[in-house]
Amino acid sequence: HQLTQIQFIAAHLNPTGPKEETLRKKAVLEARGLKAYSFGVNKTTLDKAENRKLFEFARLMGIKVIIVEPRNPAEWDNLEELVKEYDIKLAIHNHGKGSVYGDPATVLAVLAKRDRRIGVCLDVGWVTAAGFDVAKVFRDYGDRVYDMHFKDKKIETSADGKTIAIDTEIGRGQSNYAGLFAEVRKS
């Protein structure tokens, strides 16, 4: 498919695995003209030493963006310190309603107080599932969108009145892809 930049997750590459194994996998990718551009969604912690392992792995692999979804807002202090130390971007991932960053206003509040290397991994399907227009959200995030997950979801109501987000092929759900791509072109 002529891809050269790929996002990986811990099931593909173990960020706490032996350095030799990481370098072996990096060599396999490079031999095929591939680079691990981004990595995640990753768990983070209040323990800076644990978070450092993720940054060390990213530096070793040449990863430019680490995607995270910190559960505890207090984690941002040590994460921001590591962003500055390693000069590797972090991107906040959103998992829709009920998640810490399901509301774009929460994400914007984090971005307003943090280093510009902290940005967003905009998950189109989850933004839609949370009831927001992805084109507007993209525009509101400005130049802080560092990665995107292209998904689409149909939003339905169950018999008991609960909202259900159903994964579907892109273009068959309710995500505003036309508006999003118009915003991407403008940016």
C-alpha atoms as a PDB file:
ATOM      1  CA  HIS A   1       0.000   0.000   0.000  1.00  0.00           C
ATOM      2  CA  GLN A   2       3.088   2.232  -0.187  1.00  0.00           C
ATOM      3  CA  LEU A   3       2.865   3.131   3.501  1.00  0.00           C
ATOM      4  CA  THR A   4       6.096   4.274   5.081  1.00  0.00           C
ATOM      5  CA  GLN A   5       4.960   5.692   8.447  1.00  0.00           C
ATOM      6  CA  ILE A   6       2.967   3.377  10.707  1.00  0.00           C
ATOM      7  CA  GLN A   7       1.461   3.556  14.181  1.00  0.00           C
ATOM      8  CA  PHE A   8       2.136   0.600  16.405  1.00  0.00           C
ATOM      9  CA  ILE A   9       0.708  -0.558  19.724  1.00  0.00           C
ATOM     10  CA  ALA A  10       2.228  -2.598  22.549  1.00  0.00           C
ATOM     11  CA  ALA A  11       0.879  -5.820  20.984  1.00  0.00           C
ATOM     12  CA  HIS A  12       3.255  -5.143  18.046  1.00  0.00           C
ATOM     13  CA  LEU A  13       6.246  -3.677  19.851  1.00  0.00           C
ATOM     14  CA  ASN A  14       6.887  -4.127  23.561  1.00  0.00           C
ATOM     15  CA  PRO A  15       8.032  -0.816  25.044  1.00  0.00           C
ATOM     16  CA  THR A  16       9.455  -2.590  28.096  1.00  0.00           C
ATOM     17  CA  GLY A  17      11.058  -5.454  26.178  1.00  0.00           C
ATOM     18  CA  PRO A  18      14.777  -6.078  25.832  1.00  0.00           C
ATOM     19  CA  LYS A  19      16.681  -3.415  23.891  1.00  0.00           C
ATOM     20  CA  GLU A  20      18.071  -6.089  21.529  1.00  0.00           C
ATOM     21  CA  GLU A  21      14.558  -7.225  20.585  1.00  0.00           C
ATOM     22  CA  THR A  22      13.460  -3.642  19.960  1.00  0.00           C
ATOM     23  CA  LEU A  23      16.475  -2.998  17.737  1.00  0.00           C
ATOM     24  CA  ARG A  24      15.854  -6.267  15.847  1.00  0.00           C
ATOM     25  CA  LYS A  25      12.263  -5.232  15.118  1.00  0.00           C
ATOM     26  CA  LYS A  26      13.373  -1.743  14.117  1.00  0.00           C
ATOM     27  CA  ALA A  27      15.846  -3.287  11.637  1.00  0.00           C
ATOM     28  CA  VAL A  28      13.084  -5.456  10.140  1.00  0.00           C
ATOM     29  CA  LEU A  29      10.932  -2.346   9.628  1.00  0.00           C
ATOM     30  CA  GLU A  30      13.791  -0.298   8.166  1.00  0.00           C
ATOM     31  CA  ALA A  31      14.685  -3.109   5.730  1.00  0.00           C
ATOM     32  CA  ARG A  32      11.176  -2.756   4.342  1.00  0.00           C
ATOM     33  CA  GLY A  33      11.216   1.050   4.236  1.00  0.00           C
ATOM     34  CA  LEU A  34       8.939   1.414   7.252  1.00  0.00           C
ATOM     35  CA  LYS A  35       9.153   3.645  10.316  1.00  0.00           C
ATOM     36  CA  ALA A  36       7.215   3.595  13.552  1.00  0.00           C
ATOM     37  CA  TYR A  37       5.930   7.170  13.491  1.00  0.00           C
ATOM     38  CA  SER A  38       3.600   6.966  16.471  1.00  0.00           C
ATOM     39  CA  PHE A  39       2.917   4.526  19.281  1.00  0.00           C
ATOM     40  CA  GLY A  40      -0.150   3.970  21.377  1.00  0.00           C
ATOM     41  CA  VAL A  41      -2.582   4.342  23.039  1.00  0.00           C
ATOM     42  CA  ASN A  42      -0.327   3.905  26.088  1.00  0.00           C
ATOM     43  CA  LYS A  43      -1.052   3.806  29.779  1.00  0.00           C
ATOM     44  CA  THR A  44       0.868   6.270  31.909  1.00  0.00           C
ATOM     45  CA  THR A  45       1.383   6.616  35.621  1.00  0.00           C
ATOM     46  CA  LEU A  46       2.349   8.979  38.408  1.00  0.00           C
ATOM     47  CA  ASP A  47       5.692   7.146  38.496  1.00  0.00           C
ATOM     48  CA  LYS A  48       8.043   9.190  36.307  1.00  0.00           C
ATOM     49  CA  ALA A  49      10.536   6.309  36.108  1.00  0.00           C
ATOM     50  CA  GLU A  50       7.846   4.086  34.571  1.00  0.00           C
ATOM     51  CA  ASN A  51       6.878   6.779  32.071  1.00  0.00           C
ATOM     52  CA  ARG A  52      10.556   7.277  31.228  1.00  0.00           C
ATOM     53  CA  LYS A  53      10.679   3.699  29.880  1.00  0.00           C
ATOM     54  CA  LEU A  54       8.103   4.673  27.271  1.00  0.00           C
ATOM     55  CA  PHE A  55      10.172   7.695  26.208  1.00  0.00           C
ATOM     56  CA  GLU A  56      13.386   5.647  26.104  1.00  0.00           C
ATOM     57  CA  PHE A  57      11.650   3.112  23.875  1.00  0.00           C
ATOM     58  CA  ALA A  58      10.319   5.882  21.621  1.00  0.00           C
ATOM     59  CA  ARG A  59      13.782   7.426  21.285  1.00  0.00           C
ATOM     60  CA  LEU A  60      15.313   4.030  20.460  1.00  0.00           C
ATOM     61  CA  MET A  61      12.672   3.379  17.781  1.00  0.00           C
ATOM     62  CA  GLY A  62      12.694   6.919  16.363  1.00  0.00           C
ATOM     63  CA  ILE A  63       9.032   7.376  17.272  1.00  0.00           C
ATOM     64  CA  LYS A  64       7.888  10.993  16.914  1.00  0.00           C
ATOM     65  CA  VAL A  65       4.539  10.855  18.758  1.00  0.00           C
ATOM     66  CA  ILE A  66       3.542   8.854  21.838  1.00  0.00           C
ATOM     67  CA  ILE A  67      -0.229   8.547  22.200  1.00  0.00           C
ATOM     68  CA  VAL A  68      -1.524   8.564  25.759  1.00  0.00           C
ATOM     69  CA  GLU A  69      -4.699   8.785  27.793  1.00  0.00           C
ATOM     70  CA  PRO A  70      -3.598   9.573  31.374  1.00  0.00           C
ATOM     71  CA  ARG A  71      -6.287   8.593  33.887  1.00  0.00           C
ATOM     72  CA  ASN A  72      -4.983  10.882  36.607  1.00  0.00           C
ATOM     73  CA  PRO A  73      -4.549  14.593  35.739  1.00  0.00           C
ATOM     74  CA  ALA A  74      -1.581  14.731  38.149  1.00  0.00           C
ATOM     75  CA  GLU A  75       0.384  12.595  35.668  1.00  0.00           C
ATOM     76  CA  TRP A  76       0.704  15.573  33.324  1.00  0.00           C
ATOM     77  CA  ASP A  77       3.462  17.185  35.378  1.00  0.00           C
ATOM     78  CA  ASN A  78       5.932  14.325  34.988  1.00  0.00           C
ATOM     79  CA  LEU A  79       4.828  13.649  31.403  1.00  0.00           C
ATOM     80  CA  GLU A  80       5.460  17.262  30.457  1.00  0.00           C
ATOM     81  CA  GLU A  81       8.928  17.092  32.034  1.00  0.00           C
ATOM     82  CA  LEU A  82       9.697  14.028  29.907  1.00  0.00           C
ATOM     83  CA  VAL A  83       8.357  15.724  26.755  1.00  0.00           C
ATOM     84  CA  LYS A  84      10.805  18.572  27.349  1.00  0.00           C
ATOM     85  CA  GLU A  85      13.700  16.267  28.199  1.00  0.00           C
ATOM     86  CA  TYR A  86      13.275  13.921  25.220  1.00  0.00           C
ATOM     87  CA  ASP A  87      11.725  16.368  22.721  1.00  0.00           C
ATOM     88  CA  ILE A  88       9.143  13.744  21.775  1.00  0.00           C
ATOM     89  CA  LYS A  89       5.523  14.757  21.290  1.00  0.00           C
ATOM     90  CA  LEU A  90       2.633  13.369  23.315  1.00  0.00           C
ATOM     91  CA  ALA A  91      -0.847  13.161  21.828  1.00  0.00           C
ATOM     92  CA  ILE A  92      -3.959  12.876  24.006  1.00  0.00           C
ATOM     93  CA  HIS A  93      -6.347  10.189  22.808  1.00  0.00           C
ATOM     94  CA  ASN A  94     -10.094  10.415  23.358  1.00  0.00           C
ATOM     95  CA  HIS A  95     -12.282   7.358  23.921  1.00  0.00           C
ATOM     96  CA  GLY A  96     -15.687   9.041  23.846  1.00  0.00           C
ATOM     97  CA  LYS A  97     -18.272   9.588  26.545  1.00  0.00           C
ATOM     98  CA  GLY A  98     -17.295   8.402  29.970  1.00  0.00           C
ATOM     99  CA  SER A  99     -13.574   8.602  29.277  1.00  0.00           C
ATOM    100  CA  VAL A 100     -11.318  11.230  30.829  1.00  0.00           C
ATOM    101  CA  TYR A 101     -10.859  13.082  27.512  1.00  0.00           C
ATOM    102  CA  GLY A 102     -14.220  12.358  25.879  1.00  0.00           C
ATOM    103  CA  ASP A 103     -15.158  16.040  25.942  1.00  0.00           C
ATOM    104  CA  PRO A 104     -12.969  18.233  23.697  1.00  0.00           C
ATOM    105  CA  ALA A 105     -13.220  21.039  26.280  1.00  0.00           C
ATOM    106  CA  THR A 106     -11.262  18.848  28.717  1.00  0.00           C
ATOM    107  CA  VAL A 107      -8.548  18.302  26.103  1.00  0.00           C
ATOM    108  CA  LEU A 108      -8.388  22.012  25.306  1.00  0.00           C
ATOM    109  CA  ALA A 109      -7.967  22.782  29.008  1.00  0.00           C
ATOM    110  CA  VAL A 110      -4.933  20.468  29.167  1.00  0.00           C
ATOM    111  CA  LEU A 111      -3.435  21.935  25.984  1.00  0.00           C
ATOM    112  CA  ALA A 112      -3.833  25.497  27.258  1.00  0.00           C
ATOM    113  CA  LYS A 113      -1.555  24.809  30.237  1.00  0.00           C
ATOM    114  CA  ARG A 114       1.042  22.543  28.674  1.00  0.00           C
ATOM    115  CA  ASP A 115       4.074  22.546  26.396  1.00  0.00           C
ATOM    116  CA  ARG A 116       3.226  22.822  22.689  1.00  0.00           C
ATOM    117  CA  ARG A 117       4.678  19.350  22.142  1.00  0.00           C
ATOM    118  CA  ILE A 118       1.615  18.023  23.955  1.00  0.00           C
ATOM    119  CA  GLY A 119      -1.199  17.749  21.459  1.00  0.00           C
ATOM    120  CA  VAL A 120      -3.969  15.461  20.272  1.00  0.00           C
ATOM    121  CA  CYS A 121      -4.543  12.114  18.614  1.00  0.00           C
ATOM    122  CA  LEU A 122      -7.987  12.879  17.222  1.00  0.00           C
ATOM    123  CA  ASP A 123     -10.077   9.701  17.116  1.00  0.00           C
ATOM    124  CA  VAL A 124     -12.797  10.534  14.603  1.00  0.00           C
ATOM    125  CA  GLY A 125     -15.152   7.724  15.583  1.00  0.00           C
ATOM    126  CA  TRP A 126     -15.026   8.417  19.292  1.00  0.00           C
ATOM    127  CA  VAL A 127     -15.494  12.169  18.811  1.00  0.00           C
ATOM    128  CA  THR A 128     -18.605  11.346  16.796  1.00  0.00           C
ATOM    129  CA  ALA A 129     -19.824   8.818  19.364  1.00  0.00           C
ATOM    130  CA  ALA A 130     -19.501  11.477  22.074  1.00  0.00           C
ATOM    131  CA  GLY A 131     -21.860  13.711  20.087  1.00  0.00           C
ATOM    132  CA  PHE A 132     -19.365  16.225  18.709  1.00  0.00           C
ATOM    133  CA  ASP A 133     -18.731  17.359  15.136  1.00  0.00           C
ATOM    134  CA  VAL A 134     -15.234  16.198  14.226  1.00  0.00           C
ATOM    135  CA  ALA A 135     -14.669  19.077  11.785  1.00  0.00           C
ATOM    136  CA  LYS A 136     -15.322  21.645  14.517  1.00  0.00           C
ATOM    137  CA  VAL A 137     -13.214  19.724  17.027  1.00  0.00           C
ATOM    138  CA  PHE A 138     -10.308  19.539  14.567  1.00  0.00           C
ATOM    139  CA  ARG A 139     -10.595  23.278  13.904  1.00  0.00           C
ATOM    140  CA  ASP A 140     -10.746  24.050  17.643  1.00  0.00           C
ATOM    141  CA  TYR A 141      -7.582  22.018  18.311  1.00  0.00           C
ATOM    142  CA  GLY A 142      -5.733  24.090  15.716  1.00  0.00           C
ATOM    143  CA  ASP A 143      -2.145  23.079  15.123  1.00  0.00           C
ATOM    144  CA  ARG A 144      -2.112  20.684  18.078  1.00  0.00           C
ATOM    145  CA  VAL A 145      -3.478  17.663  16.148  1.00  0.00           C
ATOM    146  CA  TYR A 146      -0.454  15.380  15.825  1.00  0.00           C
ATOM    147  CA  ASP A 147      -2.190  12.154  14.845  1.00  0.00           C
ATOM    148  CA  MET A 148      -5.627  10.896  13.834  1.00  0.00           C
ATOM    149  CA  HIS A 149      -7.458   7.607  14.096  1.00  0.00           C
ATOM    150  CA  PHE A 150      -9.837   7.259  11.183  1.00  0.00           C
ATOM    151  CA  LYS A 151     -12.922   5.358  12.297  1.00  0.00           C
ATOM    152  CA  ASP A 152     -16.626   5.786  11.784  1.00  0.00           C
ATOM    153  CA  LYS A 153     -19.496   4.989  14.099  1.00  0.00           C
ATOM    154  CA  LYS A 154     -23.253   4.727  13.867  1.00  0.00           C
ATOM    155  CA  ILE A 155     -25.019   6.078  16.900  1.00  0.00           C
ATOM    156  CA  GLU A 156     -28.165   4.177  17.842  1.00  0.00           C
ATOM    157  CA  THR A 157     -30.461   4.011  20.837  1.00  0.00           C
ATOM    158  CA  SER A 158     -31.062   0.650  22.492  1.00  0.00           C
ATOM    159  CA  ALA A 159     -34.473  -0.573  23.622  1.00  0.00           C
ATOM    160  CA  ASP A 160     -33.683   0.598  27.151  1.00  0.00           C
ATOM    161  CA  GLY A 161     -32.814   4.116  25.932  1.00  0.00           C
ATOM    162  CA  LYS A 162     -29.027   3.869  26.109  1.00  0.00           C
ATOM    163  CA  THR A 163     -26.856   5.352  23.374  1.00  0.00           C
ATOM    164  CA  ILE A 164     -24.791   2.767  21.544  1.00  0.00           C
ATOM    165  CA  ALA A 165     -21.838   3.530  19.262  1.00  0.00           C
ATOM    166  CA  ILE A 166     -21.407   0.860  16.604  1.00  0.00           C
ATOM    167  CA  ASP A 167     -18.215   0.625  14.539  1.00  0.00           C
ATOM    168  CA  THR A 168     -18.812   0.702  10.808  1.00  0.00           C
ATOM    169  CA  GLU A 169     -16.903   1.241   7.585  1.00  0.00           C
ATOM    170  CA  ILE A 170     -15.745   4.805   7.048  1.00  0.00           C
ATOM    171  CA  GLY A 171     -18.475   6.695   5.223  1.00  0.00           C
ATOM    172  CA  ARG A 172     -21.301   4.520   6.531  1.00  0.00           C
ATOM    173  CA  GLY A 173     -21.512   6.097   9.960  1.00  0.00           C
ATOM    174  CA  GLN A 174     -22.222   9.566  11.253  1.00  0.00           C
ATOM    175  CA  SER A 175     -18.702  11.019  11.312  1.00  0.00           C
ATOM    176  CA  ASN A 176     -18.430  14.260   9.360  1.00  0.00           C
ATOM    177  CA  TYR A 177     -15.545  13.215   7.118  1.00  0.00           C
ATOM    178  CA  ALA A 178     -16.390  15.741   4.380  1.00  0.00           C
ATOM    179  CA  GLY A 179     -16.206  18.563   6.909  1.00  0.00           C
ATOM    180  CA  LEU A 180     -13.063  17.138   8.530  1.00  0.00           C
ATOM    181  CA  PHE A 181     -11.194  16.846   5.245  1.00  0.00           C
ATOM    182  CA  ALA A 182     -12.268  20.371   4.301  1.00  0.00           C
ATOM    183  CA  GLU A 183     -10.734  21.580   7.582  1.00  0.00           C
ATOM    184  CA  VAL A 184      -7.575  19.527   7.001  1.00  0.00           C
ATOM    185  CA  ARG A 185      -7.171  21.115   3.564  1.00  0.00           C
ATOM    186  CA  LYS A 186      -7.607  24.601   5.081  1.00  0.00           C
ATOM    187  CA  SER A 187      -4.983  23.916   7.733  1.00  0.00           C
END
